[in-house]
């Protein structure tokens, strides 16, 4: 859920407000931002998971 809110904030910063607005969030930028944020988190997790000491 936190990733969704952070993604919505990120989508708002990158794309602005366009499309339908529900609960104060522009839906399309929020979905795109959340997908981008989850992709970035997954990439970071994979990058740090492959390190061996």
Protein backbone atom coordinates (compact mmCIF):
# COMPACT_ATOMS: atom_id res chain seq x y z
CA UNK A 1 0.00 0.00 0.00
CA UNK A 2 2.87 2.35 0.79
CA UNK A 3 4.39 1.55 -2.61
CA UNK A 4 1.09 2.56 -4.18
CA UNK A 5 1.07 5.94 -2.47
CA UNK A 6 4.72 6.58 -3.28
CA UNK A 7 4.05 5.51 -6.87
CA UNK A 8 1.08 7.85 -7.08
CA UNK A 9 3.23 10.70 -5.82
CA UNK A 10 5.97 9.78 -8.30
CA UNK A 11 3.45 9.58 -11.14
CA UNK A 12 2.07 12.99 -10.21
CA UNK A 13 5.58 14.50 -10.28
CA UNK A 14 6.45 12.91 -13.63
CA UNK A 15 3.12 13.11 -15.47
CA UNK A 16 1.03 15.73 -13.69
CA UNK A 17 -2.71 15.36 -13.26
CA UNK A 18 -4.63 14.00 -16.20
CA UNK A 19 -7.30 11.39 -16.54
CA UNK A 20 -9.97 10.67 -13.96
CA UNK A 21 -9.38 11.74 -10.35
CA UNK A 22 -10.56 9.45 -7.55
CA UNK A 23 -9.93 10.28 -3.91
CA UNK A 24 -7.62 13.13 -4.81
CA UNK A 25 -5.37 10.93 -6.97
CA UNK A 26 -5.19 11.11 -10.74
CA UNK A 27 -5.71 7.44 -11.64
CA UNK A 28 -3.58 7.03 -14.79
CA UNK A 29 -0.41 8.73 -13.47
CA UNK A 30 -0.86 6.87 -10.15
CA UNK A 31 -0.97 3.47 -11.88
CA UNK A 32 2.02 4.28 -14.08
CA UNK A 33 3.96 5.69 -11.13
CA UNK A 34 3.19 2.69 -8.92
CA UNK A 35 4.29 0.27 -11.65
CA UNK A 36 7.50 2.24 -12.15
CA UNK A 37 8.21 2.34 -8.41
CA UNK A 38 7.64 -1.41 -8.00
CA UNK A 39 9.89 -2.07 -11.01
CA UNK A 40 12.64 0.07 -9.44
CA UNK A 41 12.29 -1.68 -6.08
CA UNK A 42 12.47 -5.08 -7.77
CA UNK A 43 15.56 -4.07 -9.72
CA UNK A 44 17.28 -2.84 -6.57
CA UNK A 45 16.37 -6.02 -4.70
CA UNK A 46 17.79 -8.17 -7.49
CA UNK A 47 20.97 -6.07 -7.65
CA UNK A 48 21.60 -6.32 -3.90
CA UNK A 49 20.52 -9.97 -3.75
CA UNK A 50 23.20 -11.09 -6.20
CA UNK A 51 26.09 -9.64 -4.21
CA UNK A 52 28.31 -12.11 -2.44
CA UNK A 53 30.96 -11.22 0.08
